[in-house]
Amino acid sequence: MSGSWSEALRRLGTAQKGHARGAPAYSVYVNRRIGRVLAATAYVWGLTPNAVTVISAAFTFTAIALMCVLPPSVAVGVLIAVLLVLGYAWDSADGQLARLQGGGSVAGEWLDHFVDALKIASLHLAVLIGLFRFTDVPVPWLLIPIGFSVVAVVTFFGMLLNDLLKGKRGVTSTHARGGGTLRRSLLLLPTDFGVLCIIFVLWGVPALFLAVYGAVFVLCGGFLVLAAAKWFREMRAIDAAATTGD
């Protein structure tokens, strides 16, 4: 069994796809490596990529439920963070397992994106519910998770829409694989979902959590504004190229 696991891990190490140019550091250098170990484990266990997606969802949505039903505490915050980190790692593992088994499926890709969309739409609303139910933070501060939910959902939708529209035109995706600089990855670190997962270790100290969470929200909002302007310019360039080609 150990040899099979080691062989699977070795094969995964040589079958990695290049990371997207806009991929932030935690996702590339930490989460993918944890996911590789989990993918090798899932391979030895005989799991399918879809089963791994379900495991990822189980960890993530357990954490989201805990925000809504348990009062914030240091222990609860650490538990939530660990569950979110593991859920994110298993999310990386499903695609790696699919490549190890010879390639994924359209249904599997749909399921992966569907779970991601549900996670992104739910997480910040769970923060809102938890803060409202169990803390006495001023009401205006509750606008932060609402705003963060909007930013996160729109960012995710924008990335998917870019890939869809560019694919229809035969244009290289905004998130084409092929690597990126370490400096770029580090600059984008505040937008990394993995960083957001780790922030929940502060959940037991609501004032501190909100300060850090709010700062990340502002940075993510700024990223969305800049990215949206860039994406729109790219779409106009595609239109111009199509007109010239006609």
Protein backbone atom coordinates (compact mmCIF):
# COMPACT_ATOMS: atom_id res chain seq x y z
CA MET A 1 0.00 0.00 0.00
CA SER A 2 2.80 2.41 0.88
CA GLY A 3 4.51 1.73 -2.43
CA SER A 4 1.29 2.41 -4.33
CA TRP A 5 0.83 5.68 -2.50
CA SER A 6 4.43 6.72 -3.14
CA GLU A 7 4.10 5.87 -6.83
CA ALA A 8 0.88 7.85 -7.10
CA LEU A 9 2.53 10.83 -5.41
CA ARG A 10 5.49 10.59 -7.78
CA ARG A 11 3.24 10.48 -10.83
CA LEU A 12 1.28 13.47 -9.56
CA GLY A 13 4.52 15.40 -9.18
CA THR A 14 5.27 14.95 -12.88
CA ALA A 15 1.70 15.58 -14.06
CA GLN A 16 1.10 19.03 -12.62
CA LYS A 17 -0.42 21.64 -14.90
CA GLY A 18 1.07 25.10 -14.95
CA HIS A 19 -0.63 27.51 -12.60
CA ALA A 20 -2.73 30.37 -13.88
CA ARG A 21 -0.94 33.67 -14.33
CA GLY A 22 -3.18 35.25 -11.73
CA ALA A 23 -2.94 32.44 -9.17
CA PRO A 24 -2.02 33.71 -5.68
CA ALA A 25 0.78 32.21 -3.63
CA TYR A 26 -1.07 30.06 -1.07
CA SER A 27 -3.07 28.26 -3.75
CA VAL A 28 0.03 27.56 -5.82
CA TYR A 29 2.72 26.79 -3.27
CA VAL A 30 0.75 25.41 -0.31
CA ASN A 31 -2.73 24.25 -1.24
CA ARG A 32 -1.72 22.44 -4.40
CA ARG A 33 0.97 20.49 -2.53
CA ILE A 34 -1.42 19.46 0.24
CA GLY A 35 -3.93 18.53 -2.45
CA ARG A 36 -1.31 16.38 -4.15
CA VAL A 37 -0.90 14.30 -0.99
CA LEU A 38 -4.66 13.98 -0.63
CA ALA A 39 -5.04 13.05 -4.30
CA ALA A 40 -2.49 10.26 -3.91
CA THR A 41 -4.38 9.04 -0.85
CA ALA A 42 -7.70 9.15 -2.71
CA TYR A 43 -6.11 7.20 -5.57
CA VAL A 44 -4.96 4.43 -3.23
CA TRP A 45 -8.40 4.37 -1.62
CA GLY A 46 -10.02 3.95 -5.04
CA LEU A 47 -12.04 7.17 -4.85
CA THR A 48 -13.37 9.00 -7.89
CA PRO A 49 -12.78 12.73 -8.49
CA ASN A 50 -16.48 13.37 -7.85
CA ALA A 51 -16.22 11.60 -4.49
CA VAL A 52 -13.28 13.84 -3.62
CA THR A 53 -15.37 16.89 -4.54
CA VAL A 54 -18.05 15.65 -2.13
CA ILE A 55 -15.44 15.21 0.62
CA SER A 56 -14.25 18.77 0.00
CA ALA A 57 -17.82 20.03 0.26
CA ALA A 58 -18.37 18.10 3.51
CA PHE A 59 -15.41 19.80 5.21
CA THR A 60 -16.27 23.24 3.86
CA PHE A 61 -19.98 23.24 4.64
CA THR A 62 -19.46 21.79 8.08
CA ALA A 63 -17.30 24.83 8.81
CA ILE A 64 -19.91 27.15 7.35
CA ALA A 65 -22.63 25.53 9.49
CA LEU A 66 -20.53 25.91 12.64
CA MET A 67 -20.31 29.67 12.08
CA CYS A 68 -24.10 29.82 12.17
CA VAL A 69 -24.84 27.54 15.14
CA LEU A 70 -21.97 27.92 17.63
CA PRO A 71 -20.94 31.06 19.52
CA PRO A 72 -17.48 32.30 18.49
CA SER A 73 -14.61 31.04 20.63
CA VAL A 74 -10.93 30.41 20.10
CA ALA A 75 -11.50 26.65 19.82
CA VAL A 76 -14.41 27.05 17.41
CA GLY A 77 -12.39 29.47 15.30
CA VAL A 78 -9.46 27.07 15.03
CA LEU A 79 -11.82 24.22 14.15
CA ILE A 80 -13.52 26.29 11.45
CA ALA A 81 -10.16 27.32 9.98
CA VAL A 82 -8.90 23.73 9.91
CA LEU A 83 -12.09 22.49 8.24
CA LEU A 84 -11.95 25.25 5.62
CA VAL A 85 -8.27 24.61 4.90
CA LEU A 86 -8.91 20.88 4.49
CA GLY A 87 -11.95 21.55 2.33
CA TYR A 88 -9.86 23.79 0.08
CA ALA A 89 -7.08 21.19 -0.12
CA TRP A 90 -9.54 18.45 -1.10
CA ASP A 91 -10.90 20.89 -3.70
CA SER A 92 -7.43 20.93 -5.24
CA ALA A 93 -7.17 17.15 -4.97
CA ASP A 94 -10.17 16.33 -7.19
CA GLY A 95 -8.62 17.82 -10.32
CA GLN A 96 -5.23 16.27 -9.58
CA LEU A 97 -6.85 12.87 -9.07
CA ALA A 98 -8.71 13.25 -12.37
CA ARG A 99 -5.41 13.88 -14.20
CA LEU A 100 -3.82 10.91 -12.45
CA GLN A 101 -6.68 8.69 -13.62
CA GLY A 102 -6.35 9.86 -17.21
CA GLY A 103 -8.44 13.01 -17.39
CA GLY A 104 -11.60 14.54 -16.01
CA SER A 105 -15.15 14.72 -17.28
CA VAL A 106 -17.54 17.55 -18.13
CA ALA A 107 -19.86 16.38 -15.35
CA GLY A 108 -16.99 16.44 -12.87
CA GLU A 109 -15.94 19.93 -13.91
CA TRP A 110 -19.54 21.11 -13.58
CA LEU A 111 -19.84 19.60 -10.10
CA ASP A 112 -16.56 21.19 -9.00
CA HIS A 113 -17.61 24.65 -10.18
CA PHE A 114 -21.11 24.26 -8.77
CA VAL A 115 -19.75 23.42 -5.31
CA ASP A 116 -17.29 26.31 -5.56
CA ALA A 117 -20.11 28.72 -6.43
CA LEU A 118 -22.23 27.47 -3.52
CA LYS A 119 -19.27 27.79 -1.16
CA ILE A 120 -18.41 31.32 -2.28
CA ALA A 121 -22.03 32.47 -2.05
CA SER A 122 -22.55 30.92 1.40
CA LEU A 123 -19.37 31.60 3.35
CA HIS A 124 -19.72 35.34 3.88
CA LEU A 125 -23.43 35.07 4.60
CA ALA A 126 -22.55 32.58 7.34
CA VAL A 127 -20.14 35.18 8.75
CA LEU A 128 -23.03 37.65 8.77
CA ILE A 129 -25.32 35.20 10.57
CA GLY A 130 -22.71 34.27 13.16
CA LEU A 131 -21.81 37.87 13.96
CA PHE A 132 -25.47 38.90 14.14
CA ARG A 133 -26.51 36.02 16.39
CA PHE A 134 -23.63 35.79 18.79
CA THR A 135 -21.80 39.13 18.98
CA ASP A 136 -22.62 42.73 19.77
CA VAL A 137 -20.60 44.26 16.94
CA PRO A 138 -22.15 47.54 15.69
CA VAL A 139 -24.71 46.99 12.96
CA PRO A 140 -22.77 48.97 10.30
CA TRP A 141 -19.94 46.45 10.60
CA LEU A 142 -22.35 43.76 9.41
CA LEU A 143 -22.24 45.40 5.99
CA ILE A 144 -18.72 43.99 5.56
CA PRO A 145 -19.70 40.34 5.04
CA ILE A 146 -22.57 41.45 2.81
CA GLY A 147 -20.17 43.45 0.67
CA PHE A 148 -17.61 40.65 0.73
CA SER A 149 -20.24 38.21 -0.51
CA VAL A 150 -21.00 40.49 -3.46
CA VAL A 151 -17.32 40.94 -4.30
CA ALA A 152 -16.54 37.22 -4.04
CA VAL A 153 -19.51 36.10 -6.14
CA VAL A 154 -18.94 38.72 -8.84
CA THR A 155 -15.22 37.94 -9.01
CA PHE A 156 -15.89 34.22 -9.40
CA PHE A 157 -18.58 34.83 -12.01
CA GLY A 158 -16.35 37.26 -13.90
CA MET A 159 -13.53 34.72 -14.12
CA LEU A 160 -15.86 31.99 -15.38
CA LEU A 161 -17.49 34.38 -17.85
CA ASN A 162 -14.10 35.43 -19.21
CA ASP A 163 -13.14 31.82 -19.84
CA LEU A 164 -16.50 31.07 -21.46
CA LEU A 165 -16.52 34.05 -23.82
CA LYS A 166 -12.86 33.71 -24.74
CA GLY A 167 -13.29 30.00 -25.35
CA LYS A 168 -16.15 30.71 -27.77
CA ARG A 169 -13.85 33.04 -29.70
CA GLY A 170 -10.87 30.71 -29.59
CA VAL A 171 -8.89 33.19 -27.50
CA THR A 172 -6.42 32.13 -24.81
CA SER A 173 -8.10 32.31 -21.41
CA THR A 174 -7.37 35.10 -18.95
CA HIS A 175 -6.31 32.32 -16.58
CA ALA A 176 -4.36 30.34 -19.12
CA ARG A 177 -1.94 27.93 -17.54
CA GLY A 178 1.71 28.62 -17.94
CA GLY A 179 2.95 29.96 -14.67
CA GLY A 180 3.50 33.39 -13.28
CA THR A 181 6.05 35.25 -11.25
CA LEU A 182 6.52 34.71 -7.53
CA ARG A 183 6.17 38.45 -7.02
CA ARG A 184 2.78 38.47 -8.74
CA SER A 185 1.64 35.49 -6.68
CA LEU A 186 2.64 37.21 -3.45
CA LEU A 187 0.95 40.48 -4.44
CA LEU A 188 -2.28 38.57 -5.02
CA LEU A 189 -2.05 36.75 -1.70
CA PRO A 190 -4.86 38.81 -0.05
CA THR A 191 -7.26 37.54 -2.74
CA ASP A 192 -6.38 33.90 -2.03
CA PHE A 193 -9.24 31.79 -0.68
CA GLY A 194 -6.70 29.90 1.42
CA VAL A 195 -5.76 33.10 3.23
CA LEU A 196 -9.44 33.72 3.93
CA CYS A 197 -9.68 30.22 5.43
CA ILE A 198 -6.78 30.92 7.79
CA ILE A 199 -8.29 34.21 8.98
CA PHE A 200 -10.96 32.22 10.81
CA VAL A 201 -8.48 31.31 13.53
CA LEU A 202 -9.40 34.81 14.77
CA TRP A 203 -13.13 34.01 14.82
CA GLY A 204 -13.08 33.75 18.61
CA VAL A 205 -12.02 37.42 18.90
CA PRO A 206 -14.72 39.16 16.82
CA ALA A 207 -13.17 42.65 16.87
CA LEU A 208 -9.80 41.38 15.66
CA PHE A 209 -11.41 39.05 13.15
CA LEU A 210 -13.48 41.87 11.68
CA ALA A 211 -10.45 44.15 11.42
CA VAL A 212 -8.46 41.59 9.42
CA TYR A 213 -11.49 40.33 7.50
CA GLY A 214 -12.46 43.89 6.63
CA ALA A 215 -8.95 44.70 5.40
CA VAL A 216 -9.00 41.64 3.13
CA PHE A 217 -12.43 42.67 1.88
CA VAL A 218 -11.12 46.12 0.89
CA LEU A 219 -8.17 44.56 -0.94
CA CYS A 220 -10.40 42.05 -2.72
CA GLY A 221 -12.77 44.85 -3.69
CA GLY A 222 -9.88 46.84 -5.11
CA PHE A 223 -8.70 43.81 -7.05
CA LEU A 224 -12.19 43.34 -8.54
CA VAL A 225 -12.34 46.97 -9.70
CA LEU A 226 -8.95 46.73 -11.41
CA ALA A 227 -9.64 43.26 -12.81
CA ALA A 228 -13.05 44.25 -14.17
CA ALA A 229 -11.52 47.18 -16.06
CA LYS A 230 -8.86 44.87 -17.50
CA TRP A 231 -11.39 42.19 -18.43
CA PHE A 232 -13.60 44.72 -20.20
CA ARG A 233 -10.63 46.02 -22.21
CA GLU A 234 -9.85 42.45 -23.23
CA MET A 235 -13.43 41.90 -24.41
CA ARG A 236 -13.31 45.11 -26.45
CA ALA A 237 -10.04 43.94 -27.99
CA ILE A 238 -11.71 40.67 -28.98
CA ASP A 239 -14.56 42.62 -30.58
CA ALA A 240 -12.08 44.81 -32.45
CA ALA A 241 -10.12 41.80 -33.68
CA ALA A 242 -13.33 40.12 -34.86
CA THR A 243 -14.40 43.27 -36.74
CA THR A 244 -10.99 43.57 -38.39
CA GLY A 245 -11.08 39.91 -39.32
CA ASP A 246 -14.46 40.35 -40.99
